Amino acid sequence: MHRLLLFQADFVNWGAEHQWWLAAAVASIVCWIFVGRQLTNELQQRRLALLMSLIPVAIWASVSVQLLQAPPPLRLDLILPFHICYFLNLLLPFMLWRKSYFLFEVSYFMVMAGCIQALLTPDIPQSFPHPFNIRYFFVHIGLAQSILFAVFVYGFRPTWRSFGKAFLWSNIYFVFVAGINLLLGTNFMYLCKKPPNPTLLDLFGEWPWYILGGELLAVVLFTVVLLPFLRITRPAPEQRRTGIS
């Protein structure tokens, strides 16, 4: 592992490696959901979901432990799980095992709005097989497949009420992480400085404006990922002709 930490090769967004990771993400998500839907026993589904969600947790933990043993300086931002995706990575196994709809409501929007963007515009300078690269993609793919497993196997659905809960709790978490950043001098959630790679936050300028812009962007993206679940109730043909309600 220590030798792999010294591996140096630049990751290229939308290069061949990136495309392979995205293809692997689609294949993995489809396979886990397909197997889950074949199981008719709820306990078997929950066991499968737990296994699926613990794989990225194990990879994250393995890399973090190795970093603790690496030569100084100690990079707390690379070890502690306060970036939202790494935090959710630890939370979703509990959500899937307990079939917690509340945790699904809060996590769905953060994962589908944030994690998908992270897969499309990765903030990872190292190429495969660097452990950071493997950890990054396993965690983000794991988040997407955990949420989609809950949708297509458990039958969970987000609502406008879920939207409000997710927005509230994400901001509570941001305040908590801001305190962590002040205490440790870190940049979790990019609250102190934008990611080095191009992201949608670049549209809003420098600190602190990109944070305010990120709030607006969250509202837009949360709405977009909710749209597939909104039902439009159309009046019956007779009602449309006569105006009877």
Protein backbone atom coordinates (compact mmCIF):
# COMPACT_ATOMS: atom_id res chain seq x y z
CA MET A 1 0.00 0.00 0.00
CA HIS A 2 2.81 2.43 0.89
CA ARG A 3 4.38 1.89 -2.55
CA LEU A 4 1.05 2.58 -4.22
CA LEU A 5 0.76 5.84 -2.27
CA LEU A 6 3.93 6.95 -4.06
CA PHE A 7 2.49 6.08 -7.48
CA GLN A 8 2.38 9.20 -9.67
CA ALA A 9 0.20 9.48 -12.76
CA ASP A 10 -2.27 12.24 -13.53
CA PHE A 11 -5.97 11.49 -13.79
CA VAL A 12 -7.58 12.99 -16.90
CA ASN A 13 -11.25 13.96 -16.74
CA TRP A 14 -13.16 12.16 -19.48
CA GLY A 15 -10.05 10.26 -20.47
CA ALA A 16 -10.12 6.51 -21.09
CA GLU A 17 -9.75 5.67 -17.39
CA HIS A 18 -12.59 8.00 -16.41
CA GLN A 19 -14.86 6.42 -19.01
CA TRP A 20 -13.98 2.93 -17.76
CA TRP A 21 -14.88 3.96 -14.21
CA LEU A 22 -18.24 5.34 -15.38
CA ALA A 23 -18.94 2.16 -17.33
CA ALA A 24 -18.05 0.13 -14.24
CA ALA A 25 -20.42 2.31 -12.20
CA VAL A 26 -23.35 1.61 -14.51
CA ALA A 27 -22.59 -2.12 -14.64
CA SER A 28 -22.22 -2.38 -10.86
CA ILE A 29 -25.44 -0.48 -10.15
CA VAL A 30 -27.45 -2.56 -12.63
CA CYS A 31 -26.07 -5.86 -11.30
CA TRP A 32 -26.72 -5.13 -7.61
CA ILE A 33 -30.25 -3.91 -8.34
CA PHE A 34 -30.99 -6.88 -10.61
CA VAL A 35 -29.89 -9.37 -7.94
CA GLY A 36 -31.78 -7.47 -5.24
CA ARG A 37 -35.02 -7.56 -7.22
CA GLN A 38 -34.72 -11.32 -7.69
CA LEU A 39 -34.81 -11.82 -3.93
CA THR A 40 -38.31 -12.06 -2.51
CA ASN A 41 -37.23 -12.40 1.11
CA GLU A 42 -36.83 -9.03 2.86
CA LEU A 43 -34.02 -10.24 5.12
CA GLN A 44 -32.07 -11.49 2.10
CA GLN A 45 -32.49 -8.12 0.41
CA ARG A 46 -31.25 -6.32 3.51
CA ARG A 47 -28.23 -8.62 3.81
CA LEU A 48 -27.37 -8.07 0.16
CA ALA A 49 -27.75 -4.31 0.59
CA LEU A 50 -25.54 -4.34 3.68
CA LEU A 51 -22.83 -6.32 1.88
CA MET A 52 -23.00 -3.96 -1.10
CA SER A 53 -22.71 -0.83 1.04
CA LEU A 54 -19.93 -2.14 3.31
CA ILE A 55 -17.51 -2.76 0.43
CA PRO A 56 -16.77 0.98 -0.12
CA VAL A 57 -16.67 1.48 3.66
CA ALA A 58 -13.96 -1.19 3.93
CA ILE A 59 -11.94 0.39 1.12
CA TRP A 60 -12.25 3.87 2.65
CA ALA A 61 -11.18 2.55 6.07
CA SER A 62 -8.25 0.60 4.63
CA VAL A 63 -6.82 3.63 2.83
CA SER A 64 -7.38 5.89 5.84
CA VAL A 65 -5.56 3.49 8.17
CA GLN A 66 -2.62 3.33 5.77
CA LEU A 67 -2.47 7.12 5.67
CA LEU A 68 -2.23 7.20 9.45
CA GLN A 69 0.91 5.07 9.15
CA ALA A 70 2.40 7.08 6.28
CA PRO A 71 5.33 9.48 6.81
CA PRO A 72 4.40 13.04 7.92
CA PRO A 73 2.86 15.46 7.34
CA LEU A 74 -0.46 14.03 8.50
CA ARG A 75 -3.28 15.10 6.15
CA LEU A 76 -6.43 15.14 8.25
CA ASP A 77 -8.53 16.17 5.26
CA LEU A 78 -7.54 12.90 3.56
CA ILE A 79 -8.24 10.75 6.63
CA LEU A 80 -11.28 12.08 8.48
CA PRO A 81 -14.74 11.40 6.94
CA PHE A 82 -16.15 14.93 6.97
CA HIS A 83 -16.50 15.46 3.24
CA ILE A 84 -20.21 14.80 2.75
CA CYS A 85 -19.67 11.82 0.44
CA TYR A 86 -17.36 10.05 2.89
CA PHE A 87 -19.75 10.79 5.75
CA LEU A 88 -22.69 9.37 3.79
CA ASN A 89 -20.53 6.38 2.90
CA LEU A 90 -20.54 5.49 6.60
CA LEU A 91 -24.23 6.30 7.05
CA LEU A 92 -25.83 4.43 4.15
CA PRO A 93 -25.12 0.88 5.38
CA PHE A 94 -27.22 1.71 8.44
CA MET A 95 -29.94 3.20 6.21
CA LEU A 96 -30.08 0.08 4.04
CA TRP A 97 -29.97 -2.42 6.91
CA ARG A 98 -32.62 -0.61 8.95
CA LYS A 99 -34.60 0.41 5.86
CA SER A 100 -34.70 3.92 7.33
CA TYR A 101 -36.88 6.10 5.13
CA PHE A 102 -35.80 9.26 7.01
CA LEU A 103 -32.13 8.62 6.23
CA PHE A 104 -33.11 7.89 2.63
CA GLU A 105 -34.96 11.21 2.39
CA VAL A 106 -31.97 13.17 3.63
CA SER A 107 -29.39 11.18 1.66
CA TYR A 108 -31.19 10.90 -1.68
CA PHE A 109 -30.80 14.54 -2.67
CA MET A 110 -27.23 14.89 -1.44
CA VAL A 111 -26.13 11.77 -3.29
CA MET A 112 -28.01 12.27 -6.54
CA ALA A 113 -27.19 15.99 -6.78
CA GLY A 114 -23.66 15.92 -5.37
CA CYS A 115 -22.30 12.43 -5.90
CA ILE A 116 -23.30 12.24 -9.56
CA GLN A 117 -21.53 15.55 -10.19
CA ALA A 118 -18.50 14.14 -8.34
CA LEU A 119 -18.46 11.16 -10.71
CA LEU A 120 -18.78 13.36 -13.78
CA THR A 121 -16.21 15.96 -12.64
CA PRO A 122 -13.89 14.05 -10.27
CA ASP A 123 -11.71 15.97 -7.83
CA ILE A 124 -8.95 13.37 -7.91
CA PRO A 125 -5.49 14.18 -9.31
CA GLN A 126 -4.11 10.62 -9.05
CA SER A 127 -4.70 7.92 -11.64
CA PHE A 128 -5.39 4.22 -11.05
CA PRO A 129 -4.02 2.24 -9.16
CA HIS A 130 -3.31 4.97 -6.62
CA PRO A 131 -5.32 4.24 -3.43
CA PHE A 132 -6.90 7.72 -3.50
CA ASN A 133 -8.24 6.99 -6.97
CA ILE A 134 -9.66 3.61 -5.95
CA ARG A 135 -11.17 5.00 -2.74
CA TYR A 136 -12.72 7.97 -4.54
CA PHE A 137 -14.52 5.95 -7.20
CA PHE A 138 -15.55 3.03 -5.00
CA VAL A 139 -17.09 5.42 -2.47
CA HIS A 140 -18.96 7.54 -5.01
CA ILE A 141 -20.15 4.57 -7.04
CA GLY A 142 -21.19 2.92 -3.78
CA LEU A 143 -23.26 5.94 -2.79
CA ALA A 144 -25.12 6.00 -6.09
CA GLN A 145 -25.86 2.29 -6.06
CA SER A 146 -26.99 2.35 -2.41
CA ILE A 147 -29.51 5.11 -3.09
CA LEU A 148 -30.72 3.53 -6.33
CA PHE A 149 -30.99 0.16 -4.57
CA ALA A 150 -33.31 1.80 -2.04
CA VAL A 151 -35.37 3.24 -4.91
CA PHE A 152 -35.65 0.17 -7.14
CA VAL A 153 -35.53 -2.66 -4.60
CA TYR A 154 -37.01 -1.15 -1.41
CA GLY A 155 -39.43 1.05 -3.34
CA PHE A 156 -38.48 4.26 -1.50
CA ARG A 157 -39.56 7.53 -3.13
CA PRO A 158 -38.54 11.12 -2.27
CA THR A 159 -41.17 13.87 -1.96
CA TRP A 160 -41.26 17.66 -1.63
CA ARG A 161 -41.25 17.12 2.11
CA SER A 162 -38.07 15.09 1.67
CA PHE A 163 -36.63 18.02 -0.29
CA GLY A 164 -37.14 20.31 2.70
CA LYS A 165 -35.63 17.83 5.14
CA ALA A 166 -32.58 17.29 2.94
CA PHE A 167 -31.98 21.02 2.46
CA LEU A 168 -32.32 21.68 6.20
CA TRP A 169 -30.06 18.85 7.32
CA SER A 170 -27.44 19.55 4.65
CA ASN A 171 -27.13 23.11 5.94
CA ILE A 172 -26.94 21.92 9.54
CA TYR A 173 -24.14 19.60 8.45
CA PHE A 174 -22.37 22.47 6.65
CA VAL A 175 -22.39 24.54 9.84
CA PHE A 176 -20.94 21.58 11.76
CA VAL A 177 -18.22 21.07 9.14
CA ALA A 178 -17.40 24.79 9.12
CA GLY A 179 -16.61 24.44 12.82
CA ILE A 180 -14.40 21.42 12.09
CA ASN A 181 -12.55 23.43 9.44
CA LEU A 182 -11.93 26.30 11.85
CA LEU A 183 -10.70 23.90 14.52
CA LEU A 184 -8.44 21.75 12.34
CA GLY A 185 -7.50 24.15 9.53
CA THR A 186 -9.04 21.82 6.94
CA ASN A 187 -11.19 22.44 3.87
CA PHE A 188 -13.95 19.85 4.20
CA MET A 189 -16.92 20.46 1.91
CA TYR A 190 -14.74 23.08 0.15
CA LEU A 191 -16.13 25.72 2.49
CA CYS A 192 -12.79 27.56 2.63
CA LYS A 193 -11.61 27.14 -0.95
CA LYS A 194 -13.08 25.83 -4.19
CA PRO A 195 -12.02 22.45 -5.60
CA PRO A 196 -8.96 22.67 -7.88
CA ASN A 197 -10.78 20.99 -10.76
CA PRO A 198 -13.52 22.79 -12.74
CA THR A 199 -16.98 22.47 -11.16
CA LEU A 200 -20.31 24.29 -11.32
CA LEU A 201 -19.15 26.37 -8.34
CA ASP A 202 -16.84 28.24 -10.72
CA LEU A 203 -19.92 30.01 -12.07
CA PHE A 204 -20.29 31.94 -8.80
CA GLY A 205 -16.86 33.49 -8.37
CA GLU A 206 -14.59 33.34 -5.35
CA TRP A 207 -15.19 32.86 -1.61
CA PRO A 208 -17.67 33.51 -0.07
CA TRP A 209 -19.86 34.03 -3.15
CA TYR A 210 -19.46 30.49 -4.43
CA ILE A 211 -20.87 29.22 -1.11
CA LEU A 212 -24.00 31.33 -1.54
CA GLY A 213 -24.17 30.26 -5.17
CA GLY A 214 -23.83 26.67 -4.03
CA GLU A 215 -26.99 27.08 -1.95
CA LEU A 216 -28.88 28.24 -5.04
CA LEU A 217 -27.34 25.45 -7.08
CA ALA A 218 -28.45 22.93 -4.45
CA VAL A 219 -32.06 24.10 -4.75
CA VAL A 220 -31.92 23.71 -8.54
CA LEU A 221 -30.23 20.30 -8.47
CA PHE A 222 -32.44 18.99 -5.66
CA THR A 223 -35.46 19.97 -7.77
CA VAL A 224 -34.03 18.26 -10.86
CA VAL A 225 -33.43 14.95 -9.06
CA LEU A 226 -36.93 15.09 -7.57
CA LEU A 227 -38.64 15.57 -10.94
CA PRO A 228 -38.75 11.86 -11.90
CA PHE A 229 -40.92 11.20 -8.84
CA LEU A 230 -43.43 14.01 -9.27
CA ARG A 231 -46.83 12.89 -10.49
CA ILE A 232 -48.95 15.21 -12.56
CA THR A 233 -52.62 14.48 -11.93
CA ARG A 234 -54.53 15.06 -15.15
CA PRO A 235 -58.31 15.61 -15.12
CA ALA A 236 -60.48 12.94 -16.70
CA PRO A 237 -61.60 13.61 -20.30
CA GLU A 238 -65.15 14.51 -19.17
CA GLN A 239 -63.81 16.96 -16.60
CA ARG A 240 -61.55 18.65 -19.15
CA ARG A 241 -64.49 19.22 -21.48
CA THR A 242 -66.97 20.48 -18.93
CA GLY A 243 -64.72 22.06 -16.33
CA ILE A 244 -66.38 19.96 -13.59
CA SER A 245 -64.03 19.35 -10.62
